[in-house]
Amino acid sequence: APEDAPLDAVAAPDGTELFFCATGKPHLPDWRADFEDVAAPADTGGVERVDHLALTQPWHHFDKAALFHRSVLGLDAQESVDVVDPYGLQRSRAVANADGSVRIALGVGAAPTDDTVHAQHLALATDDVVAAARRFRAAGGRLLPIPANYYDDLAARHDLPDEELETYRDLGILYDRDAGGAFRHCYTETVGRLFFELVQRDPGYRGYGAPNAPVRLAAQHARHTTR
């Protein structure tokens, strides 16, 4: 509409459209004026903000995508990681700004001939992933079940209390740790080509739970094949 705030946009190599929105700039139209004010929900389910966005790239656009996000958005590219997928190796590389307030994880399938459609996902940050997962499940949401042997291995690798391990097992929560802190996360079941991740990230943790990715991918594959 003529009264709508103009939004400039560019297209990433995979076709994703990125809109540049002016917020609180006196000399530019504010995009928020296009929407009616509504009261904030009393209960957000423990979700505070977006932690990161994961975008699956066509195999021939993966390197272009990393270059695009570096050159156009000024994001720093992290080291590329190969993740074991039931269909082969899946390559992943994250890009982020300096303070981690913008994080995008770029992924690609195993090979040019791989026609597997990987779902996109949105990771939502919470300061208590256990409480957020319980609220989600109590509201009727379906969490991704994680194989029991993952928690046997987790107990061997990390000194976690038995009660904490049982809680993670019940809710399908995955755990990782590096020199900067711990990372606890769980996933919803996939609907169409989208699923969500609930993330509790210690301030010093810079990763995305890559050691747990093969477990998540295998669990998603198992759910898909049993439907």
Protein backbone atom coordinates (compact mmCIF):
# COMPACT_ATOMS: atom_id res chain seq x y z
CA ALA A 1 0.00 0.00 0.00
CA PRO A 2 1.20 3.59 -0.61
CA GLU A 3 1.28 4.32 3.12
CA ASP A 4 3.43 1.28 3.94
CA ALA A 5 7.03 1.87 4.93
CA PRO A 6 9.37 1.10 2.01
CA LEU A 7 11.59 -1.91 2.65
CA ASP A 8 14.76 -2.39 0.65
CA ALA A 9 15.70 -6.01 0.07
CA VAL A 10 18.35 -8.20 -1.49
CA ALA A 11 18.25 -11.86 -2.45
CA ALA A 12 20.80 -14.36 -1.16
CA PRO A 13 22.24 -16.92 -3.61
CA ASP A 14 19.64 -19.50 -2.55
CA GLY A 15 16.79 -17.06 -3.16
CA THR A 16 16.23 -16.10 0.49
CA GLU A 17 15.02 -12.50 0.63
CA LEU A 18 16.63 -10.22 3.21
CA PHE A 19 14.76 -7.04 4.09
CA PHE A 20 16.47 -4.02 5.62
CA CYS A 21 14.11 -2.41 8.12
CA ALA A 22 14.69 1.01 9.69
CA THR A 23 13.86 1.03 13.40
CA GLY A 24 13.83 4.25 15.39
CA LYS A 25 15.57 6.33 12.70
CA PRO A 26 14.12 9.88 12.73
CA HIS A 27 14.80 10.48 9.03
CA LEU A 28 13.42 7.13 7.80
CA PRO A 29 9.93 5.53 7.90
CA ASP A 30 9.65 3.02 10.75
CA TRP A 31 8.33 -0.36 9.57
CA ARG A 32 6.63 -0.92 12.92
CA ALA A 33 4.07 1.74 12.02
CA ASP A 34 2.58 -0.72 9.50
CA PHE A 35 1.30 -2.88 12.37
CA GLU A 36 -1.19 -2.33 15.16
CA ASP A 37 0.11 -2.38 18.71
CA VAL A 38 -1.02 -5.42 20.65
CA ALA A 39 -0.48 -6.34 24.26
CA ALA A 40 2.50 -8.58 24.88
CA PRO A 41 1.47 -12.13 25.85
CA ALA A 42 1.51 -12.77 29.56
CA ASP A 43 3.32 -16.07 29.05
CA THR A 44 5.91 -16.46 26.29
CA GLY A 45 6.64 -20.07 27.19
CA GLY A 46 10.08 -19.08 28.41
CA VAL A 47 11.26 -17.96 24.96
CA GLU A 48 13.27 -14.73 25.04
CA ARG A 49 14.61 -14.14 21.52
CA VAL A 50 15.91 -15.82 18.38
CA ASP A 51 19.22 -17.59 18.99
CA HIS A 52 19.96 -18.49 15.37
CA LEU A 53 18.44 -19.34 12.02
CA ALA A 54 19.49 -22.46 10.10
CA LEU A 55 19.21 -22.35 6.30
CA THR A 56 19.80 -25.32 4.03
CA GLN A 57 21.61 -24.31 0.85
CA PRO A 58 21.62 -25.90 -2.60
CA TRP A 59 25.00 -27.65 -2.93
CA HIS A 60 26.20 -25.30 -5.69
CA HIS A 61 25.40 -22.17 -3.62
CA PHE A 62 27.08 -23.10 -0.33
CA ASP A 63 30.35 -21.20 -0.83
CA LYS A 64 28.50 -18.31 -2.46
CA ALA A 65 26.18 -18.14 0.54
CA ALA A 66 29.07 -17.86 2.99
CA LEU A 67 30.66 -15.13 0.85
CA PHE A 68 27.33 -13.30 0.53
CA HIS A 69 26.74 -13.17 4.28
CA ARG A 70 30.30 -12.00 4.88
CA SER A 71 30.40 -9.31 2.20
CA VAL A 72 26.82 -8.01 2.28
CA LEU A 73 25.93 -8.41 5.96
CA GLY A 74 29.43 -8.15 7.44
CA LEU A 75 29.11 -11.44 9.33
CA ASP A 76 32.17 -13.47 10.27
CA ALA A 77 32.33 -17.03 8.96
CA GLN A 78 33.28 -19.79 11.36
CA GLU A 79 35.13 -22.96 10.47
CA SER A 80 33.29 -25.37 8.19
CA VAL A 81 32.10 -28.57 9.89
CA ASP A 82 31.16 -31.93 8.35
CA VAL A 83 28.22 -33.60 10.09
CA VAL A 84 27.29 -37.27 9.67
CA ASP A 85 23.81 -37.57 8.18
CA PRO A 86 21.85 -40.78 7.47
CA TYR A 87 22.14 -39.82 3.78
CA GLY A 88 25.88 -39.04 3.87
CA LEU A 89 27.95 -36.09 5.06
CA GLN A 90 26.27 -32.74 5.55
CA ARG A 91 28.51 -29.69 5.46
CA SER A 92 27.77 -26.80 7.80
CA ARG A 93 29.22 -23.35 8.37
CA ALA A 94 27.93 -20.66 10.72
CA VAL A 95 28.18 -16.92 10.20
CA ALA A 96 27.67 -14.42 13.02
CA ASN A 97 28.36 -10.86 14.07
CA ALA A 98 30.89 -9.98 16.75
CA ASP A 99 28.57 -10.14 19.78
CA GLY A 100 26.58 -13.16 18.59
CA SER A 101 23.28 -11.29 18.40
CA VAL A 102 22.94 -12.37 14.76
CA ARG A 103 23.71 -16.01 13.98
CA ILE A 104 22.94 -17.95 10.81
CA ALA A 105 23.92 -21.59 10.31
CA LEU A 106 24.33 -22.56 6.67
CA GLY A 107 24.06 -26.23 5.75
CA VAL A 108 24.29 -28.26 2.56
CA GLY A 109 23.59 -31.86 1.56
CA ALA A 110 26.14 -34.49 0.76
CA ALA A 111 26.63 -34.23 -3.00
CA PRO A 112 25.32 -32.67 -6.24
CA THR A 113 23.20 -35.78 -6.82
CA ASP A 114 21.69 -35.64 -3.31
CA ASP A 115 18.05 -34.66 -3.77
CA THR A 116 17.20 -35.06 -0.08
CA VAL A 117 15.17 -32.12 1.17
CA HIS A 118 16.53 -30.97 4.52
CA ALA A 119 14.18 -28.92 6.66
CA GLN A 120 14.99 -25.40 7.78
CA HIS A 121 14.84 -24.54 11.45
CA LEU A 122 14.62 -21.63 13.85
CA ALA A 123 16.37 -21.78 17.23
CA LEU A 124 14.68 -19.90 20.08
CA ALA A 125 16.66 -18.88 23.16
CA THR A 126 15.49 -19.48 26.71
CA ASP A 127 17.16 -19.22 30.10
CA ASP A 128 15.59 -22.53 31.20
CA VAL A 129 15.26 -25.12 28.45
CA VAL A 130 13.76 -27.70 30.82
CA ALA A 131 10.90 -25.40 31.80
CA ALA A 132 10.39 -24.28 28.19
CA ALA A 133 10.29 -27.87 26.92
CA ARG A 134 7.80 -28.86 29.61
CA ARG A 135 5.55 -25.92 28.76
CA PHE A 136 5.71 -26.77 25.07
CA ARG A 137 4.80 -30.40 25.70
CA ALA A 138 2.05 -29.50 28.17
CA ALA A 139 0.51 -27.26 25.49
CA GLY A 140 0.28 -30.22 23.14
CA GLY A 141 3.54 -29.75 21.25
CA ARG A 142 5.58 -32.76 20.17
CA LEU A 143 9.27 -32.89 21.02
CA LEU A 144 11.70 -34.96 18.97
CA PRO A 145 12.44 -38.25 20.82
CA ILE A 146 16.15 -38.95 21.28
CA PRO A 147 17.50 -42.54 21.45
CA ALA A 148 18.20 -43.78 24.98
CA ASN A 149 21.79 -44.76 24.20
CA TYR A 150 22.64 -41.09 23.66
CA TYR A 151 22.16 -40.51 27.39
CA ASP A 152 24.29 -43.52 28.29
CA ASP A 153 27.07 -41.98 26.24
CA LEU A 154 26.39 -38.53 27.72
CA ALA A 155 26.77 -39.93 31.24
CA ALA A 156 30.14 -41.40 30.27
CA ARG A 157 31.40 -38.14 28.75
CA HIS A 158 30.12 -35.60 31.28
CA ASP A 159 29.76 -35.69 35.04
CA LEU A 160 26.07 -34.82 35.24
CA PRO A 161 23.78 -35.67 38.18
CA ASP A 162 21.53 -38.68 37.60
CA GLU A 163 18.39 -36.59 38.13
CA GLU A 164 19.51 -34.09 35.50
CA LEU A 165 20.23 -36.89 33.03
CA GLU A 166 16.80 -38.42 33.58
CA THR A 167 15.17 -35.05 32.95
CA TYR A 168 17.10 -34.67 29.70
CA ARG A 169 16.17 -38.21 28.70
CA ASP A 170 12.48 -37.56 29.36
CA LEU A 171 12.38 -34.34 27.34
CA GLY A 172 14.86 -35.22 24.59
CA ILE A 173 17.31 -32.51 25.66
CA LEU A 174 20.81 -32.69 24.19
CA TYR A 175 23.93 -31.39 25.93
CA ASP A 176 27.28 -30.03 24.82
CA ARG A 177 30.09 -28.17 26.54
CA ASP A 178 33.21 -26.30 25.48
CA ALA A 179 35.74 -24.08 27.22
CA GLY A 180 33.22 -21.23 27.33
CA GLY A 181 30.30 -23.04 28.92
CA ALA A 182 27.41 -25.43 28.37
CA PHE A 183 24.77 -25.71 25.67
CA ARG A 184 21.43 -27.43 26.27
CA HIS A 185 18.93 -27.81 23.46
CA CYS A 186 15.98 -29.83 22.21
CA TYR A 187 13.93 -29.98 19.04
CA THR A 188 10.32 -30.09 18.01
CA GLU A 189 9.11 -32.61 15.48
CA THR A 190 9.23 -31.40 11.89
CA VAL A 191 6.09 -30.00 10.31
CA GLY A 192 6.37 -29.71 6.55
CA ARG A 193 9.89 -28.38 6.05
CA LEU A 194 10.24 -26.54 9.35
CA PHE A 195 11.09 -27.42 12.93
CA PHE A 196 12.08 -25.42 15.99
CA GLU A 197 14.90 -25.72 18.48
CA LEU A 198 14.82 -24.56 22.11
CA VAL A 199 18.26 -23.40 23.21
CA GLN A 200 19.81 -22.60 26.59
CA ARG A 201 23.25 -21.17 25.88
CA ASP A 202 25.84 -20.20 28.48
CA PRO A 203 27.22 -16.74 27.61
CA GLY A 204 30.67 -18.09 26.75
CA TYR A 205 29.52 -20.95 24.53
CA ARG A 206 30.08 -20.02 20.87
CA GLY A 207 28.98 -23.15 19.03
CA TYR A 208 25.70 -24.71 17.92
CA GLY A 209 25.85 -28.18 19.44
CA ALA A 210 27.56 -29.72 16.40
CA PRO A 211 28.55 -32.95 18.23
CA ASN A 212 24.83 -33.62 18.73
CA ALA A 213 23.84 -32.99 15.10
CA PRO A 214 24.27 -36.63 13.96
CA VAL A 215 22.00 -37.75 16.80
CA ARG A 216 19.35 -35.21 15.87
CA LEU A 217 19.53 -36.06 12.17
CA ALA A 218 19.24 -39.79 12.88
CA ALA A 219 16.29 -39.20 15.21
CA GLN A 220 14.53 -37.11 12.56
CA HIS A 221 15.21 -39.77 9.94
CA ALA A 222 13.76 -42.43 12.24
CA ARG A 223 10.60 -40.38 12.83
CA HIS A 224 10.20 -39.78 9.11
CA THR A 225 10.54 -43.44 8.16
CA THR A 226 8.12 -44.67 10.84
CA ARG A 227 5.27 -42.34 9.86
